[in-house]
Amino acid sequence: MKYLNLLVLTIFLYTGTSLYSQTIDIGDGVTVAHFNAGWNDANSVSWIGDLEECNVVKVDIVAYKKMQTNHKIVVVPTIILFKDGEEIKRWQANVSFKIEDDIDVIQEAVDEQNLSDF
């Protein structure tokens, strides 16, 4: 399944089209979910697809309101790091609807989760 998610992500990055999901496959391994809304596309986290060694899923909370409720999204964008289906860490936008942390901070958290298996 991980390879299928990577293939879908690769196609998404190559074609430049939006990849939004109604469900998040947060089973085994590390998954990073990017929650945003169409009205906030200007503040979308553009580098989210550049994260390595994890599955990346984008969720439009306007189109999929149940996902917003299920994951208690109160501000967009919100990034959630999951490990084997469990929420590990969350980054939420500031009052300007922007994520203050950068790719290095999120990638470090991903790497820590991947190394925790050893």
PDB file of N, CA and C in Angstrom:
ATOM      1  N   MET A   1       0.830  -1.196   0.000  1.00  0.00           N
ATOM      2  CA  MET A   1       0.000   0.000   0.000  1.00  0.00           C
ATOM      3  C   MET A   1       0.874   1.260   0.000  1.00  0.00           C
ATOM      4  N   LYS A   2       2.001   1.194   0.705  1.00  0.00           N
ATOM      5  CA  LYS A   2       2.892   2.343   0.757  1.00  0.00           C
ATOM      6  C   LYS A   2       3.369   2.727  -0.640  1.00  0.00           C
ATOM      7  N   TYR A   3       3.686   1.707  -1.434  1.00  0.00           N
ATOM      8  CA  TYR A   3       4.162   1.986  -2.792  1.00  0.00           C
ATOM      9  C   TYR A   3       3.067   2.570  -3.669  1.00  0.00           C
ATOM     10  N   LEU A   4       1.827   2.133  -3.449  1.00  0.00           N
ATOM     11  CA  LEU A   4       0.700   2.690  -4.187  1.00  0.00           C
ATOM     12  C   LEU A   4       0.527   4.164  -3.835  1.00  0.00           C
ATOM     13  N   ASN A   5       0.620   4.492  -2.532  1.00  0.00           N
ATOM     14  CA  ASN A   5       0.506   5.889  -2.116  1.00  0.00           C
ATOM     15  C   ASN A   5       1.629   6.729  -2.717  1.00  0.00           C
ATOM     16  N   LEU A   6       2.833   6.165  -2.757  1.00  0.00           N
ATOM     17  CA  LEU A   6       3.961   6.893  -3.357  1.00  0.00           C
ATOM     18  C   LEU A   6       3.742   7.106  -4.851  1.00  0.00           C
ATOM     19  N   LEU A   7       3.180   6.098  -5.526  1.00  0.00           N
ATOM     20  CA  LEU A   7       2.885   6.231  -6.947  1.00  0.00           C
ATOM     21  C   LEU A   7       1.860   7.330  -7.186  1.00  0.00           C
ATOM     22  N   VAL A   8       0.792   7.344  -6.393  1.00  0.00           N
ATOM     23  CA  VAL A   8      -0.234   8.383  -6.524  1.00  0.00           C
ATOM     24  C   VAL A   8       0.365   9.752  -6.246  1.00  0.00           C
ATOM     25  N   LEU A   9       1.200   9.845  -5.228  1.00  0.00           N
ATOM     26  CA  LEU A   9       1.853  11.115  -4.907  1.00  0.00           C
ATOM     27  C   LEU A   9       2.757  11.560  -6.047  1.00  0.00           C
ATOM     28  N   THR A  10       3.491  10.625  -6.626  1.00  0.00           N
ATOM     29  CA  THR A  10       4.371  10.952  -7.744  1.00  0.00           C
ATOM     30  C   THR A  10       3.568  11.473  -8.931  1.00  0.00           C
ATOM     31  N   ILE A  11       2.473  10.813  -9.245  1.00  0.00           N
ATOM     32  CA  ILE A  11       1.612  11.272 -10.341  1.00  0.00           C
ATOM     33  C   ILE A  11       1.079  12.662 -10.035  1.00  0.00           C
ATOM     34  N   PHE A  12       0.664  12.880  -8.789  1.00  0.00           N
ATOM     35  CA  PHE A  12       0.168  14.194  -8.362  1.00  0.00           C
ATOM     36  C   PHE A  12       1.231  15.269  -8.561  1.00  0.00           C
ATOM     37  N   LEU A  13       2.459  14.988  -8.125  1.00  0.00           N
ATOM     38  CA  LEU A  13       3.520  15.979  -8.239  1.00  0.00           C
ATOM     39  C   LEU A  13       3.882  16.227  -9.699  1.00  0.00           C
ATOM     40  N   TYR A  14       3.873  15.166 -10.495  1.00  0.00           N
ATOM     41  CA  TYR A  14       4.246  15.293 -11.890  1.00  0.00           C
ATOM     42  C   TYR A  14       3.214  16.066 -12.696  1.00  0.00           C
ATOM     43  N   THR A  15       1.949  15.813 -12.434  1.00  0.00           N
ATOM     44  CA  THR A  15       0.906  16.464 -13.217  1.00  0.00           C
ATOM     45  C   THR A  15       0.536  17.829 -12.671  1.00  0.00           C
ATOM     46  N   GLY A  16       0.868  18.090 -11.395  1.00  0.00           N
ATOM     47  CA  GLY A  16       0.560  19.378 -10.805  1.00  0.00           C
ATOM     48  C   GLY A  16      -0.894  19.533 -10.400  1.00  0.00           C
ATOM     49  N   THR A  17      -1.652  18.450 -10.408  1.00  0.00           N
ATOM     50  CA  THR A  17      -3.051  18.531 -10.023  1.00  0.00           C
ATOM     51  C   THR A  17      -3.193  18.355  -8.526  1.00  0.00           C
ATOM     52  N   SER A  18      -4.306  18.812  -7.988  1.00  0.00           N
ATOM     53  CA  SER A  18      -4.547  18.683  -6.560  1.00  0.00           C
ATOM     54  C   SER A  18      -4.900  17.247  -6.212  1.00  0.00           C
ATOM     55  N   LEU A  19      -4.427  16.818  -5.077  1.00  0.00           N
ATOM     56  CA  LEU A  19      -4.727  15.485  -4.578  1.00  0.00           C
ATOM     57  C   LEU A  19      -5.424  15.649  -3.244  1.00  0.00           C
ATOM     58  N   TYR A  20      -6.716  15.474  -3.236  1.00  0.00           N
ATOM     59  CA  TYR A  20      -7.488  15.583  -2.008  1.00  0.00           C
ATOM     60  C   TYR A  20      -8.159  14.252  -1.753  1.00  0.00           C
ATOM     61  N   SER A  21      -8.249  13.892  -0.508  1.00  0.00           N
ATOM     62  CA  SER A  21      -8.763  12.582  -0.159  1.00  0.00           C
ATOM     63  C   SER A  21      -9.929  12.702   0.807  1.00  0.00           C
ATOM     64  N   GLN A  22     -10.842  11.751   0.713  1.00  0.00           N
ATOM     65  CA  GLN A  22     -11.960  11.707   1.651  1.00  0.00           C
ATOM     66  C   GLN A  22     -11.594  10.890   2.885  1.00  0.00           C
ATOM     67  N   THR A  23     -10.663   9.992   2.735  1.00  0.00           N
ATOM     68  CA  THR A  23     -10.185   9.208   3.869  1.00  0.00           C
ATOM     69  C   THR A  23      -8.669   9.265   3.888  1.00  0.00           C
ATOM     70  N   ILE A  24      -8.127   9.035   5.059  1.00  0.00           N
ATOM     71  CA  ILE A  24      -6.679   9.020   5.198  1.00  0.00           C
ATOM     72  C   ILE A  24      -6.257   7.598   5.502  1.00  0.00           C
ATOM     73  N   ASP A  25      -5.363   7.063   4.700  1.00  0.00           N
ATOM     74  CA  ASP A  25      -4.814   5.746   4.962  1.00  0.00           C
ATOM     75  C   ASP A  25      -3.679   5.941   5.961  1.00  0.00           C
ATOM     76  N   ILE A  26      -4.001   5.781   7.236  1.00  0.00           N
ATOM     77  CA  ILE A  26      -3.016   5.998   8.285  1.00  0.00           C
ATOM     78  C   ILE A  26      -2.677   4.692   8.984  1.00  0.00           C
ATOM     79  N   GLY A  27      -2.681   3.629   8.211  1.00  0.00           N
ATOM     80  CA  GLY A  27      -2.397   2.313   8.764  1.00  0.00           C
ATOM     81  C   GLY A  27      -0.955   2.198   9.222  1.00  0.00           C
ATOM     82  N   ASP A  28      -0.167   1.424   8.528  1.00  0.00           N
ATOM     83  CA  ASP A  28       1.218   1.186   8.903  1.00  0.00           C
ATOM     84  C   ASP A  28       2.114   2.318   8.422  1.00  0.00           C
ATOM     85  N   GLY A  29       3.148   2.578   9.198  1.00  0.00           N
ATOM     86  CA  GLY A  29       4.152   3.546   8.795  1.00  0.00           C
ATOM     87  C   GLY A  29       3.798   4.979   9.148  1.00  0.00           C
ATOM     88  N   VAL A  30       4.518   5.887   8.517  1.00  0.00           N
ATOM     89  CA  VAL A  30       4.404   7.318   8.797  1.00  0.00           C
ATOM     90  C   VAL A  30       3.610   7.990   7.679  1.00  0.00           C
ATOM     91  N   THR A  31       2.592   8.739   8.077  1.00  0.00           N
ATOM     92  CA  THR A  31       1.766   9.499   7.140  1.00  0.00           C
ATOM     93  C   THR A  31       1.683  10.938   7.615  1.00  0.00           C
ATOM     94  N   VAL A  32       1.824  11.862   6.695  1.00  0.00           N
ATOM     95  CA  VAL A  32       1.654  13.283   6.977  1.00  0.00           C
ATOM     96  C   VAL A  32       0.408  13.744   6.230  1.00  0.00           C
ATOM     97  N   ALA A  33      -0.541  14.281   6.979  1.00  0.00           N
ATOM     98  CA  ALA A  33      -1.785  14.769   6.382  1.00  0.00           C
ATOM     99  C   ALA A  33      -1.802  16.291   6.424  1.00  0.00           C
ATOM    100  N   HIS A  34      -2.110  16.884   5.294  1.00  0.00           N
ATOM    101  CA  HIS A  34      -2.189  18.341   5.154  1.00  0.00           C
ATOM    102  C   HIS A  34      -3.662  18.699   4.975  1.00  0.00           C
ATOM    103  N   PHE A  35      -4.233  19.342   5.984  1.00  0.00           N
ATOM    104  CA  PHE A  35      -5.625  19.774   5.942  1.00  0.00           C
ATOM    105  C   PHE A  35      -5.666  21.242   5.567  1.00  0.00           C
ATOM    106  N   ASN A  36      -6.480  21.576   4.569  1.00  0.00           N
ATOM    107  CA  ASN A  36      -6.639  22.968   4.152  1.00  0.00           C
ATOM    108  C   ASN A  36      -8.028  23.123   3.557  1.00  0.00           C
ATOM    109  N   ALA A  37      -8.333  24.314   3.111  1.00  0.00           N
ATOM    110  CA  ALA A  37      -9.615  24.614   2.479  1.00  0.00           C
ATOM    111  C   ALA A  37      -9.348  25.394   1.200  1.00  0.00           C
ATOM    112  N   GLY A  38     -10.223  25.232   0.219  1.00  0.00           N
ATOM    113  CA  GLY A  38     -10.061  25.926  -1.049  1.00  0.00           C
ATOM    114  C   GLY A  38      -9.927  27.429  -0.904  1.00  0.00           C
ATOM    115  N   TRP A  39     -10.656  28.007   0.038  1.00  0.00           N
ATOM    116  CA  TRP A  39     -10.582  29.460   0.224  1.00  0.00           C
ATOM    117  C   TRP A  39      -9.238  29.896   0.808  1.00  0.00           C
ATOM    118  N   ASN A  40      -8.432  28.943   1.259  1.00  0.00           N
ATOM    119  CA  ASN A  40      -7.134  29.263   1.847  1.00  0.00           C
ATOM    120  C   ASN A  40      -5.979  28.722   1.005  1.00  0.00           C
ATOM    121  N   ASP A  41      -6.204  28.470  -0.267  1.00  0.00           N
ATOM    122  CA  ASP A  41      -5.153  27.922  -1.124  1.00  0.00           C
ATOM    123  C   ASP A  41      -3.898  28.794  -1.146  1.00  0.00           C
ATOM    124  N   ALA A  42      -4.044  30.076  -0.980  1.00  0.00           N
ATOM    125  CA  ALA A  42      -2.880  30.956  -0.983  1.00  0.00           C
ATOM    126  C   ALA A  42      -1.909  30.613   0.146  1.00  0.00           C
ATOM    127  N   ASN A  43      -2.415  30.024   1.212  1.00  0.00           N
ATOM    128  CA  ASN A  43      -1.567  29.658   2.344  1.00  0.00           C
ATOM    129  C   ASN A  43      -1.297  28.157   2.421  1.00  0.00           C
ATOM    130  N   SER A  44      -1.569  27.458   1.344  1.00  0.00           N
ATOM    131  CA  SER A  44      -1.298  26.034   1.294  1.00  0.00           C
ATOM    132  C   SER A  44       0.197  25.797   1.499  1.00  0.00           C
ATOM    133  N   VAL A  45       0.544  24.686   2.104  1.00  0.00           N
ATOM    134  CA  VAL A  45       1.940  24.350   2.361  1.00  0.00           C
ATOM    135  C   VAL A  45       2.501  23.728   1.083  1.00  0.00           C
ATOM    136  N   SER A  46       3.179  24.544   0.290  1.00  0.00           N
ATOM    137  CA  SER A  46       3.611  24.126  -1.042  1.00  0.00           C
ATOM    138  C   SER A  46       4.673  23.033  -1.022  1.00  0.00           C
ATOM    139  N   TRP A  47       5.457  22.956   0.016  1.00  0.00           N
ATOM    140  CA  TRP A  47       6.553  21.984   0.086  1.00  0.00           C
ATOM    141  C   TRP A  47       6.136  20.627   0.674  1.00  0.00           C
ATOM    142  N   ILE A  48       4.873  20.465   1.024  1.00  0.00           N
ATOM    143  CA  ILE A  48       4.426  19.241   1.692  1.00  0.00           C
ATOM    144  C   ILE A  48       4.755  17.981   0.875  1.00  0.00           C
ATOM    145  N   GLY A  49       4.666  18.058  -0.426  1.00  0.00           N
ATOM    146  CA  GLY A  49       4.969  16.918  -1.283  1.00  0.00           C
ATOM    147  C   GLY A  49       6.446  16.589  -1.376  1.00  0.00           C
ATOM    148  N   ASP A  50       7.296  17.468  -0.851  1.00  0.00           N
ATOM    149  CA  ASP A  50       8.739  17.234  -0.879  1.00  0.00           C
ATOM    150  C   ASP A  50       9.233  16.434   0.322  1.00  0.00           C
ATOM    151  N   LEU A  51       8.348  16.138   1.265  1.00  0.00           N
ATOM    152  CA  LEU A  51       8.748  15.338   2.425  1.00  0.00           C
ATOM    153  C   LEU A  51       9.155  13.942   1.965  1.00  0.00           C
ATOM    154  N   GLU A  52      10.152  13.377   2.615  1.00  0.00           N
ATOM    155  CA  GLU A  52      10.674  12.069   2.239  1.00  0.00           C
ATOM    156  C   GLU A  52      10.377  11.029   3.305  1.00  0.00           C
ATOM    157  N   GLU A  53      10.306   9.776   2.870  1.00  0.00           N
ATOM    158  CA  GLU A  53      10.141   8.622   3.761  1.00  0.00           C
ATOM    159  C   GLU A  53       8.818   8.630   4.527  1.00  0.00           C
ATOM    160  N   CYS A  54       7.763   9.120   3.876  1.00  0.00           N
ATOM    161  CA  CYS A  54       6.432   9.113   4.484  1.00  0.00           C
ATOM    162  C   CYS A  54       5.382   9.197   3.375  1.00  0.00           C
ATOM    163  N   ASN A  55       4.173   8.825   3.725  1.00  0.00           N
ATOM    164  CA  ASN A  55       3.041   9.035   2.828  1.00  0.00           C
ATOM    165  C   ASN A  55       2.512  10.437   3.085  1.00  0.00           C
ATOM    166  N   VAL A  56       2.091  11.108   2.047  1.00  0.00           N
ATOM    167  CA  VAL A  56       1.532  12.456   2.174  1.00  0.00           C
ATOM    168  C   VAL A  56       0.124  12.453   1.598  1.00  0.00           C
ATOM    169  N   VAL A  57      -0.814  13.007   2.377  1.00  0.00           N
ATOM    170  CA  VAL A  57      -2.204  13.088   1.945  1.00  0.00           C
ATOM    171  C   VAL A  57      -2.675  14.518   2.157  1.00  0.00           C
ATOM    172  N   LYS A  58      -3.389  15.054   1.167  1.00  0.00           N
ATOM    173  CA  LYS A  58      -3.983  16.382   1.304  1.00  0.00           C
ATOM    174  C   LYS A  58      -5.496  16.230   1.432  1.00  0.00           C
ATOM    175  N   VAL A  59      -6.083  16.970   2.366  1.00  0.00           N
ATOM    176  CA  VAL A  59      -7.515  16.872   2.619  1.00  0.00           C
ATOM    177  C   VAL A  59      -8.135  18.263   2.560  1.00  0.00           C
ATOM    178  N   ASP A  60      -9.140  18.430   1.720  1.00  0.00           N
ATOM    179  CA  ASP A  60      -9.902  19.678   1.641  1.00  0.00           C
ATOM    180  C   ASP A  60     -11.059  19.576   2.631  1.00  0.00           C
ATOM    181  N   ILE A  61     -11.013  20.355   3.698  1.00  0.00           N
ATOM    182  CA  ILE A  61     -12.023  20.240   4.757  1.00  0.00           C
ATOM    183  C   ILE A  61     -13.384  20.778   4.343  1.00  0.00           C
ATOM    184  N   VAL A  62     -13.430  21.577   3.291  1.00  0.00           N
ATOM    185  CA  VAL A  62     -14.723  22.061   2.802  1.00  0.00           C
ATOM    186  C   VAL A  62     -15.449  20.924   2.082  1.00  0.00           C
ATOM    187  N   ALA A  63     -14.711  20.212   1.263  1.00  0.00           N
ATOM    188  CA  ALA A  63     -15.302  19.104   0.517  1.00  0.00           C
ATOM    189  C   ALA A  63     -15.592  17.905   1.420  1.00  0.00           C
ATOM    190  N   TYR A  64     -14.787  17.735   2.452  1.00  0.00           N
ATOM    191  CA  TYR A  64     -14.907  16.570   3.327  1.00  0.00           C
ATOM    192  C   TYR A  64     -15.008  17.009   4.787  1.00  0.00           C
ATOM    193  N   LYS A  65     -16.161  17.561   5.121  1.00  0.00           N
ATOM    194  CA  LYS A  65     -16.396  18.106   6.462  1.00  0.00           C
ATOM    195  C   LYS A  65     -16.243  17.055   7.554  1.00  0.00           C
ATOM    196  N   LYS A  66     -16.572  15.811   7.251  1.00  0.00           N
ATOM    197  CA  LYS A  66     -16.447  14.756   8.252  1.00  0.00           C
ATOM    198  C   LYS A  66     -14.984  14.570   8.665  1.00  0.00           C
ATOM    199  N   MET A  67     -14.078  14.729   7.731  1.00  0.00           N
ATOM    200  CA  MET A  67     -12.650  14.628   8.039  1.00  0.00           C
ATOM    201  C   MET A  67     -12.236  15.742   8.998  1.00  0.00           C
ATOM    202  N   GLN A  68     -12.800  16.933   8.805  1.00  0.00           N
ATOM    203  CA  GLN A  68     -12.506  18.052   9.692  1.00  0.00           C
ATOM    204  C   GLN A  68     -12.944  17.713  11.115  1.00  0.00           C
ATOM    205  N   THR A  69     -14.125  17.167  11.245  1.00  0.00           N
ATOM    206  CA  THR A  69     -14.652  16.803  12.554  1.00  0.00           C
ATOM    207  C   THR A  69     -13.866  15.657  13.173  1.00  0.00           C
ATOM    208  N   ASN A  70     -13.630  14.620  12.402  1.00  0.00           N
ATOM    209  CA  ASN A  70     -12.935  13.439  12.913  1.00  0.00           C
ATOM    210  C   ASN A  70     -11.539  13.754  13.448  1.00  0.00           C
ATOM    211  N   HIS A  71     -10.856  14.690  12.815  1.00  0.00           N
ATOM    212  CA  HIS A  71      -9.484  15.011  13.199  1.00  0.00           C
ATOM    213  C   HIS A  71      -9.375  16.337  13.961  1.00  0.00           C
ATOM    214  N   LYS A  72     -10.538  16.879  14.342  1.00  0.00           N
ATOM    215  CA  LYS A  72     -10.592  18.091  15.176  1.00  0.00           C
ATOM    216  C   LYS A  72      -9.758  19.238  14.595  1.00  0.00           C
ATOM    217  N   ILE A  73     -10.014  19.519  13.321  1.00  0.00           N
ATOM    218  CA  ILE A  73      -9.318  20.606  12.641  1.00  0.00           C
ATOM    219  C   ILE A  73     -10.050  21.910  12.951  1.00  0.00           C
ATOM    220  N   VAL A  74      -9.377  22.837  13.609  1.00  0.00           N
ATOM    221  CA  VAL A  74      -9.994  24.111  13.983  1.00  0.00           C
ATOM    222  C   VAL A  74      -9.410  25.294  13.226  1.00  0.00           C
ATOM    223  N   VAL A  75      -8.281  25.090  12.576  1.00  0.00           N
ATOM    224  CA  VAL A  75      -7.648  26.147  11.792  1.00  0.00           C
ATOM    225  C   VAL A  75      -6.934  25.484  10.611  1.00  0.00           C
ATOM    226  N   VAL A  76      -6.899  26.195   9.488  1.00  0.00           N
ATOM    227  CA  VAL A  76      -6.199  25.670   8.311  1.00  0.00           C
ATOM    228  C   VAL A  76      -5.120  26.648   7.884  1.00  0.00           C
ATOM    229  N   PRO A  77      -4.044  26.134   7.335  1.00  0.00           N
ATOM    230  CA  PRO A  77      -3.755  24.713   7.229  1.00  0.00           C
ATOM    231  C   PRO A  77      -3.339  24.104   8.568  1.00  0.00           C
ATOM    232  N   THR A  78      -3.564  22.814   8.668  1.00  0.00           N
ATOM    233  CA  THR A  78      -3.083  22.005   9.782  1.00  0.00           C
ATOM    234  C   THR A  78      -2.371  20.805   9.187  1.00  0.00           C
ATOM    235  N   ILE A  79      -1.229  20.474   9.756  1.00  0.00           N
ATOM    236  CA  ILE A  79      -0.472  19.296   9.337  1.00  0.00           C
ATOM    237  C   ILE A  79      -0.447  18.339  10.520  1.00  0.00           C
ATOM    238  N   ILE A  80      -0.798  17.083  10.259  1.00  0.00           N
ATOM    239  CA  ILE A  80      -0.768  16.074  11.314  1.00  0.00           C
ATOM    240  C   ILE A  80       0.149  14.935  10.886  1.00  0.00           C
ATOM    241  N   LEU A  81       1.034  14.552  11.802  1.00  0.00           N
ATOM    242  CA  LEU A  81       1.922  13.421  11.599  1.00  0.00           C
ATOM    243  C   LEU A  81       1.328  12.204  12.306  1.00  0.00           C
ATOM    244  N   PHE A  82       1.102  11.135  11.541  1.00  0.00           N
ATOM    245  CA  PHE A  82       0.580   9.882  12.082  1.00  0.00           C
ATOM    246  C   PHE A  82       1.653   8.808  11.993  1.00  0.00           C
ATOM    247  N   LYS A  83       1.677   7.928  12.987  1.00  0.00           N
ATOM    248  CA  LYS A  83       2.560   6.751  12.954  1.00  0.00           C
ATOM    249  C   LYS A  83       1.712   5.548  13.296  1.00  0.00           C
ATOM    250  N   ASP A  84       1.620   4.605  12.365  1.00  0.00           N
ATOM    251  CA  ASP A  84       0.832   3.390  12.550  1.00  0.00           C
ATOM    252  C   ASP A  84      -0.585   3.689  13.019  1.00  0.00           C
ATOM    253  N   GLY A  85      -1.187   4.730  12.429  1.00  0.00           N
ATOM    254  CA  GLY A  85      -2.578   5.077  12.715  1.00  0.00           C
ATOM    255  C   GLY A  85      -2.794   5.999  13.901  1.00  0.00           C
ATOM    256  N   GLU A  86      -1.750   6.333  14.632  1.00  0.00           N
ATOM    257  CA  GLU A  86      -1.875   7.177  15.822  1.00  0.00           C
ATOM    258  C   GLU A  86      -1.309   8.568  15.552  1.00  0.00           C
ATOM    259  N   GLU A  87      -2.049   9.599  15.968  1.00  0.00           N
ATOM    260  CA  GLU A  87      -1.537  10.957  15.815  1.00  0.00           C
ATOM    261  C   GLU A  87      -0.342  11.146  16.741  1.00  0.00           C
ATOM    262  N   ILE A  88       0.760  11.615  16.163  1.00  0.00           N
ATOM    263  CA  ILE A  88       1.993  11.831  16.913  1.00  0.00           C
ATOM    264  C   ILE A  88       2.217  13.308  17.191  1.00  0.00           C
ATOM    265  N   LYS A  89       2.014  14.138  16.184  1.00  0.00           N
ATOM    266  CA  LYS A  89       2.298  15.568  16.316  1.00  0.00           C
ATOM    267  C   LYS A  89       1.404  16.339  15.362  1.00  0.00           C
ATOM    268  N   ARG A  90       1.158  17.589  15.722  1.00  0.00           N
ATOM    269  CA  ARG A  90       0.278  18.453  14.937  1.00  0.00           C
ATOM    270  C   ARG A  90       0.896  19.852  14.852  1.00  0.00           C
ATOM    271  N   TRP A  91       0.813  20.429  13.646  1.00  0.00           N
ATOM    272  CA  TRP A  91       1.234  21.808  13.427  1.00  0.00           C
ATOM    273  C   TRP A  91       0.032  22.565  12.891  1.00  0.00           C
ATOM    274  N   GLN A  92      -0.289  23.687  13.514  1.00  0.00           N
ATOM    275  CA  GLN A  92      -1.449  24.473  13.086  1.00  0.00           C
ATOM    276  C   GLN A  92      -1.007  25.868  12.661  1.00  0.00           C
ATOM    277  N   ALA A  93      -1.795  26.449  11.783  1.00  0.00           N
ATOM    278  CA  ALA A  93      -1.507  27.780  11.268  1.00  0.00           C
ATOM    279  C   ALA A  93      -1.618  28.830  12.368  1.00  0.00           C
ATOM    280  N   ASN A  94      -0.939  29.934  12.136  1.00  0.00           N
ATOM    281  CA  ASN A  94      -1.040  31.071  13.048  1.00  0.00           C
ATOM    282  C   ASN A  94      -2.272  31.911  12.688  1.00  0.00           C
ATOM    283  N   VAL A  95      -2.404  33.072  13.271  1.00  0.00           N
ATOM    284  CA  VAL A  95      -3.586  33.902  13.029  1.00  0.00           C
ATOM    285  C   VAL A  95      -3.667  34.410  11.588  1.00  0.00           C
ATOM    286  N   SER A  96      -2.564  34.335  10.861  1.00  0.00           N
ATOM    287  CA  SER A  96      -2.543  34.723   9.447  1.00  0.00           C
ATOM    288  C   SER A  96      -2.827  33.544   8.526  1.00  0.00           C
ATOM    289  N   PHE A  97      -3.246  32.399   9.113  1.00  0.00           N
ATOM    290  CA  PHE A  97      -3.540  31.177   8.356  1.00  0.00           C
ATOM    291  C   PHE A  97      -2.309  30.642   7.629  1.00  0.00           C
ATOM    292  N   LYS A  98      -1.141  30.738   8.268  1.00  0.00           N
ATOM    293  CA  LYS A  98       0.098  30.224   7.690  1.00  0.00           C
ATOM    294  C   LYS A  98       0.803  29.322   8.695  1.00  0.00           C
ATOM    295  N   ILE A  99       1.388  28.249   8.208  1.00  0.00           N
ATOM    296  CA  ILE A  99       2.213  27.374   9.035  1.00  0.00           C
ATOM    297  C   ILE A  99       3.558  28.065   9.228  1.00  0.00           C
ATOM    298  N   GLU A 100       3.969  28.222  10.474  1.00  0.00           N
ATOM    299  CA  GLU A 100       5.219  28.918  10.754  1.00  0.00           C
ATOM    300  C   GLU A 100       6.441  28.019  10.601  1.00  0.00           C
ATOM    301  N   ASP A 101       6.296  26.724  10.896  1.00  0.00           N
ATOM    302  CA  ASP A 101       7.426  25.815  10.759  1.00  0.00           C
ATOM    303  C   ASP A 101       7.690  25.523   9.288  1.00  0.00           C
ATOM    304  N   ASP A 102       8.918  25.087   9.015  1.00  0.00           N
ATOM    305  CA  ASP A 102       9.280  24.809   7.625  1.00  0.00           C
ATOM    306  C   ASP A 102       9.480  23.316   7.409  1.00  0.00           C
ATOM    307  N   ILE A 103       9.860  22.970   6.203  1.00  0.00           N
ATOM    308  CA  ILE A 103      10.004  21.566   5.828  1.00  0.00           C
ATOM    309  C   ILE A 103      11.015  20.842   6.711  1.00  0.00           C
ATOM    310  N   ASP A 104      12.066  21.529   7.146  1.00  0.00           N
ATOM    311  CA  ASP A 104      13.093  20.883   7.958  1.00  0.00           C
ATOM    312  C   ASP A 104      12.534  20.392   9.290  1.00  0.00           C
ATOM    313  N   VAL A 105      11.660  21.176   9.904  1.00  0.00           N
ATOM    314  CA  VAL A 105      11.053  20.799  11.188  1.00  0.00           C
ATOM    315  C   VAL A 105      10.167  19.567  11.022  1.00  0.00           C
ATOM    316  N   ILE A 106       9.344  19.575   9.983  1.00  0.00           N
ATOM    317  CA  ILE A 106       8.430  18.456   9.745  1.00  0.00           C
ATOM    318  C   ILE A 106       9.225  17.214   9.342  1.00  0.00           C
ATOM    319  N   GLN A 107      10.222  17.388   8.473  1.00  0.00           N
ATOM    320  CA  GLN A 107      11.030  16.245   8.044  1.00  0.00           C
ATOM    321  C   GLN A 107      11.770  15.627   9.225  1.00  0.00           C
ATOM    322  N   GLU A 108      12.257  16.435  10.137  1.00  0.00           N
ATOM    323  CA  GLU A 108      12.928  15.918  11.330  1.00  0.00           C
ATOM    324  C   GLU A 108      11.974  15.054  12.164  1.00  0.00           C
ATOM    325  N   ALA A 109      10.738  15.498  12.307  1.00  0.00           N
ATOM    326  CA  ALA A 109       9.741  14.724  13.050  1.00  0.00           C
ATOM    327  C   ALA A 109       9.444  13.404  12.339  1.00  0.00           C
ATOM    328  N   VAL A 110       9.354  13.436  11.008  1.00  0.00           N
ATOM    329  CA  VAL A 110       9.149  12.221  10.215  1.00  0.00           C
ATOM    330  C   VAL A 110      10.324  11.264  10.422  1.00  0.00           C
ATOM    331  N   ASP A 111      11.529  11.796  10.328  1.00  0.00           N
ATOM    332  CA  ASP A 111      12.720  10.973  10.488  1.00  0.00           C
ATOM    333  C   ASP A 111      12.796  10.338  11.874  1.00  0.00           C
ATOM    334  N   GLU A 112      12.444  11.090  12.904  1.00  0.00           N
ATOM    335  CA  GLU A 112      12.426  10.556  14.267  1.00  0.00           C
ATOM    336  C   GLU A 112      11.475   9.369  14.379  1.00  0.00           C
ATOM    337  N   GLN A 113      10.309   9.482  13.749  1.00  0.00           N
ATOM    338  CA  GLN A 113       9.332   8.397  13.809  1.00  0.00           C
ATOM    339  C   GLN A 113       9.827   7.175  13.041  1.00  0.00           C
ATOM    340  N   ASN A 114      10.465   7.402  11.908  1.00  0.00           N
ATOM    341  CA  ASN A 114      11.000   6.276  11.138  1.00  0.00           C
ATOM    342  C   ASN A 114      12.125   5.567  11.896  1.00  0.00           C
ATOM    343  N   LEU A 115      12.952   6.324  12.601  1.00  0.00           N
ATOM    344  CA  LEU A 115      14.074   5.738  13.349  1.00  0.00           C
ATOM    345  C   LEU A 115      13.625   5.091  14.645  1.00  0.00           C
ATOM    346  N   SER A 116      12.442   5.425  15.133  1.00  0.00           N
ATOM    347  CA  SER A 116      11.980   4.880  16.409  1.00  0.00           C
ATOM    348  C   SER A 116      11.711   3.380  16.323  1.00  0.00           C
ATOM    349  N   ASP A 117      11.647   2.835  15.130  1.00  0.00           N
ATOM    350  CA  ASP A 117      11.437   1.399  14.948  1.00  0.00           C
ATOM    351  C   ASP A 117      12.717   0.593  15.171  1.00  0.00           C
ATOM    352  N   PHE A 118      13.848   1.279  15.218  1.00  0.00           N
ATOM    353  CA  PHE A 118      15.126   0.557  15.335  1.00  0.00           C
ATOM    354  C   PHE A 118      15.625   0.551  16.755  1.00  0.00           C
TER     355      PHE A 118
END
